[in-house]
Amino acid sequence: AAKSALSGFASAMERHATENNSYLGAAGTSGSPANTGSPWIFSTEAPLEGGAKYYDLTISAATQSTYTLRATPKGAQVDDGMLELDHTGAQRWDRDNSATFDGGENCWEKSC
């Protein structure tokens, strides 16, 4: 669910950048935009459908031309480690909750 949500979130960031010529201002609220934190342009939790939510979705970094999105596990998924996706498509996973992300192409799908 987090992988799918981050992919959709990345698409929303691309639409935002197309409309604003920047990735900045996609967090906060539409009336009070921010550069990082909970998005106003996309859902703040995943899975996107259904009842129980197992991940919080945030923008952890943003500039005019770059961004990093994060899915932070909660509830029953809390021990699964955070997932990140950036503007280049690079995927990172903090598989052991050490705040150290494994990186590389398709890191979510294989050992990095």
C-alpha atoms as a PDB file:
ATOM      1  CA  ALA A   1       0.000   0.000   0.000  1.00  0.00           C
ATOM      2  CA  ALA A   2       2.817   2.423   0.828  1.00  0.00           C
ATOM      3  CA  LYS A   3       4.631   1.764  -2.459  1.00  0.00           C
ATOM      4  CA  SER A   4       1.504   2.387  -4.473  1.00  0.00           C
ATOM      5  CA  ALA A   5       0.638   5.510  -2.495  1.00  0.00           C
ATOM      6  CA  LEU A   6       4.146   6.947  -2.932  1.00  0.00           C
ATOM      7  CA  SER A   7       3.927   6.390  -6.684  1.00  0.00           C
ATOM      8  CA  GLY A   8       0.607   8.247  -6.810  1.00  0.00           C
ATOM      9  CA  PHE A   9       2.041  10.951  -4.561  1.00  0.00           C
ATOM     10  CA  ALA A  10       4.973  11.379  -6.967  1.00  0.00           C
ATOM     11  CA  SER A  11       2.498  11.860  -9.822  1.00  0.00           C
ATOM     12  CA  ALA A  12       0.708  14.528  -7.782  1.00  0.00           C
ATOM     13  CA  MET A  13       4.056  16.264  -7.191  1.00  0.00           C
ATOM     14  CA  GLU A  14       4.723  16.259 -10.940  1.00  0.00           C
ATOM     15  CA  ARG A  15       1.302  17.815 -11.608  1.00  0.00           C
ATOM     16  CA  HIS A  16       1.997  20.412  -8.912  1.00  0.00           C
ATOM     17  CA  ALA A  17       5.363  21.265 -10.494  1.00  0.00           C
ATOM     18  CA  THR A  18       3.796  21.531 -13.949  1.00  0.00           C
ATOM     19  CA  GLU A  19       1.230  24.012 -12.642  1.00  0.00           C
ATOM     20  CA  ASN A  20       3.636  25.976 -10.393  1.00  0.00           C
ATOM     21  CA  ASN A  21       7.032  25.514 -12.062  1.00  0.00           C
ATOM     22  CA  SER A  22       8.273  24.219  -8.694  1.00  0.00           C
ATOM     23  CA  TYR A  23       7.849  21.387  -6.199  1.00  0.00           C
ATOM     24  CA  LEU A  24       7.675  23.944  -3.394  1.00  0.00           C
ATOM     25  CA  GLY A  25       4.376  24.666  -1.666  1.00  0.00           C
ATOM     26  CA  ALA A  26       2.835  21.179  -1.956  1.00  0.00           C
ATOM     27  CA  ALA A  27       2.588  20.670   1.823  1.00  0.00           C
ATOM     28  CA  GLY A  28       0.614  22.500   4.497  1.00  0.00           C
ATOM     29  CA  THR A  29      -2.814  23.640   3.299  1.00  0.00           C
ATOM     30  CA  SER A  30      -3.920  25.225   0.049  1.00  0.00           C
ATOM     31  CA  GLY A  31      -4.465  28.492   1.953  1.00  0.00           C
ATOM     32  CA  SER A  32      -1.167  28.254   3.839  1.00  0.00           C
ATOM     33  CA  PRO A  33       1.307  26.248   1.769  1.00  0.00           C
ATOM     34  CA  ALA A  34       4.515  24.805   3.185  1.00  0.00           C
ATOM     35  CA  ASN A  35       7.435  22.996   1.584  1.00  0.00           C
ATOM     36  CA  THR A  36       7.624  19.944   3.853  1.00  0.00           C
ATOM     37  CA  GLY A  37       5.277  17.974   6.061  1.00  0.00           C
ATOM     38  CA  SER A  38       1.799  16.641   5.313  1.00  0.00           C
ATOM     39  CA  PRO A  39       0.755  17.244   1.709  1.00  0.00           C
ATOM     40  CA  TRP A  40      -2.290  19.245   0.700  1.00  0.00           C
ATOM     41  CA  ILE A  41      -2.033  17.971  -2.887  1.00  0.00           C
ATOM     42  CA  PHE A  42      -2.409  14.271  -1.980  1.00  0.00           C
ATOM     43  CA  SER A  43      -3.682  11.995   0.768  1.00  0.00           C
ATOM     44  CA  THR A  44      -1.843  12.124   4.085  1.00  0.00           C
ATOM     45  CA  GLU A  45      -2.294   8.385   4.820  1.00  0.00           C
ATOM     46  CA  ALA A  46      -2.115   5.007   3.115  1.00  0.00           C
ATOM     47  CA  PRO A  47      -3.667   2.769   2.030  1.00  0.00           C
ATOM     48  CA  LEU A  48      -5.654   5.280   0.028  1.00  0.00           C
ATOM     49  CA  GLU A  49      -8.854   3.226   0.202  1.00  0.00           C
ATOM     50  CA  GLY A  50     -10.268   1.204   3.055  1.00  0.00           C
ATOM     51  CA  GLY A  51     -10.539   1.722   6.763  1.00  0.00           C
ATOM     52  CA  ALA A  52      -7.327   1.210   8.740  1.00  0.00           C
ATOM     53  CA  LYS A  53      -4.405   3.424   7.743  1.00  0.00           C
ATOM     54  CA  TYR A  54      -0.904   1.996   8.176  1.00  0.00           C
ATOM     55  CA  TYR A  55       1.343   4.768   6.805  1.00  0.00           C
ATOM     56  CA  ASP A  56       1.602   8.539   7.142  1.00  0.00           C
ATOM     57  CA  LEU A  57       2.620  10.251   3.886  1.00  0.00           C
ATOM     58  CA  THR A  58       4.812  13.345   4.014  1.00  0.00           C
ATOM     59  CA  ILE A  59       7.148  15.492   1.964  1.00  0.00           C
ATOM     60  CA  SER A  60      10.438  15.165   3.836  1.00  0.00           C
ATOM     61  CA  ALA A  61      12.420  17.518   1.560  1.00  0.00           C
ATOM     62  CA  ALA A  62      11.625  19.860  -1.310  1.00  0.00           C
ATOM     63  CA  THR A  63      13.285  22.475  -3.477  1.00  0.00           C
ATOM     64  CA  GLN A  64      12.149  24.106  -6.680  1.00  0.00           C
ATOM     65  CA  SER A  65      13.519  21.162  -8.684  1.00  0.00           C
ATOM     66  CA  THR A  66      13.719  18.209  -6.243  1.00  0.00           C
ATOM     67  CA  TYR A  67      11.632  16.370  -3.663  1.00  0.00           C
ATOM     68  CA  THR A  68      11.721  13.390  -1.325  1.00  0.00           C
ATOM     69  CA  LEU A  69       8.494  11.709  -0.246  1.00  0.00           C
ATOM     70  CA  ARG A  70       8.211   9.468   2.800  1.00  0.00           C
ATOM     71  CA  ALA A  71       5.804   6.773   4.008  1.00  0.00           C
ATOM     72  CA  THR A  72       6.182   6.322   7.768  1.00  0.00           C
ATOM     73  CA  PRO A  73       4.602   3.142   9.162  1.00  0.00           C
ATOM     74  CA  LYS A  74       2.197   3.245  12.084  1.00  0.00           C
ATOM     75  CA  GLY A  75      -0.144   0.910  13.893  1.00  0.00           C
ATOM     76  CA  ALA A  76       0.364  -2.743  12.934  1.00  0.00           C
ATOM     77  CA  GLN A  77       3.091  -1.751  10.432  1.00  0.00           C
ATOM     78  CA  VAL A  78       5.158   0.356  12.865  1.00  0.00           C
ATOM     79  CA  ASP A  79       8.162  -2.029  12.810  1.00  0.00           C
ATOM     80  CA  ASP A  80       8.375  -2.208   9.012  1.00  0.00           C
ATOM     81  CA  GLY A  81      10.617   0.812   8.455  1.00  0.00           C
ATOM     82  CA  MET A  82      10.068   3.978   6.428  1.00  0.00           C
ATOM     83  CA  LEU A  83       9.994   4.081   2.640  1.00  0.00           C
ATOM     84  CA  GLU A  84      11.204   7.014   0.563  1.00  0.00           C
ATOM     85  CA  LEU A  85      10.830   7.989  -3.079  1.00  0.00           C
ATOM     86  CA  ASP A  86      12.541  10.980  -4.650  1.00  0.00           C
ATOM     87  CA  HIS A  87      12.152  13.031  -7.831  1.00  0.00           C
ATOM     88  CA  THR A  88      14.584  10.766  -9.723  1.00  0.00           C
ATOM     89  CA  GLY A  89      12.549   7.657  -8.880  1.00  0.00           C
ATOM     90  CA  ALA A  90      15.172   6.400  -6.406  1.00  0.00           C
ATOM     91  CA  GLN A  91      13.628   4.179  -3.742  1.00  0.00           C
ATOM     92  CA  ARG A  92      15.019   3.880  -0.227  1.00  0.00           C
ATOM     93  CA  TRP A  93      13.957   1.715   2.688  1.00  0.00           C
ATOM     94  CA  ASP A  94      14.876   2.009   6.372  1.00  0.00           C
ATOM     95  CA  ARG A  95      14.292  -1.703   6.774  1.00  0.00           C
ATOM     96  CA  ASP A  96      15.477  -1.947  10.396  1.00  0.00           C
ATOM     97  CA  ASN A  97      14.143   1.388  11.761  1.00  0.00           C
ATOM     98  CA  SER A  98      17.693   2.642  12.316  1.00  0.00           C
ATOM     99  CA  ALA A  99      17.131   5.950  10.465  1.00  0.00           C
ATOM    100  CA  THR A 100      19.619   4.677   7.877  1.00  0.00           C
ATOM    101  CA  PHE A 101      18.092   4.233   4.447  1.00  0.00           C
ATOM    102  CA  ASP A 102      19.213   1.604   1.991  1.00  0.00           C
ATOM    103  CA  GLY A 103      19.219   3.161  -1.456  1.00  0.00           C
ATOM    104  CA  GLY A 104      19.380   2.384  -5.101  1.00  0.00           C
ATOM    105  CA  GLU A 105      17.125   1.552  -7.967  1.00  0.00           C
ATOM    106  CA  ASN A 106      14.204  -0.665  -6.958  1.00  0.00           C
ATOM    107  CA  CYS A 107      15.428  -0.876  -3.371  1.00  0.00           C
ATOM    108  CA  TRP A 108      11.903  -1.691  -2.205  1.00  0.00           C
ATOM    109  CA  GLU A 109      11.877  -4.884  -4.232  1.00  0.00           C
ATOM    110  CA  LYS A 110      15.280  -6.439  -3.500  1.00  0.00           C
ATOM    111  CA  SER A 111      18.204  -6.336  -1.139  1.00  0.00           C
ATOM    112  CA  CYS A 112      20.207  -3.156  -1.524  1.00  0.00           C
END
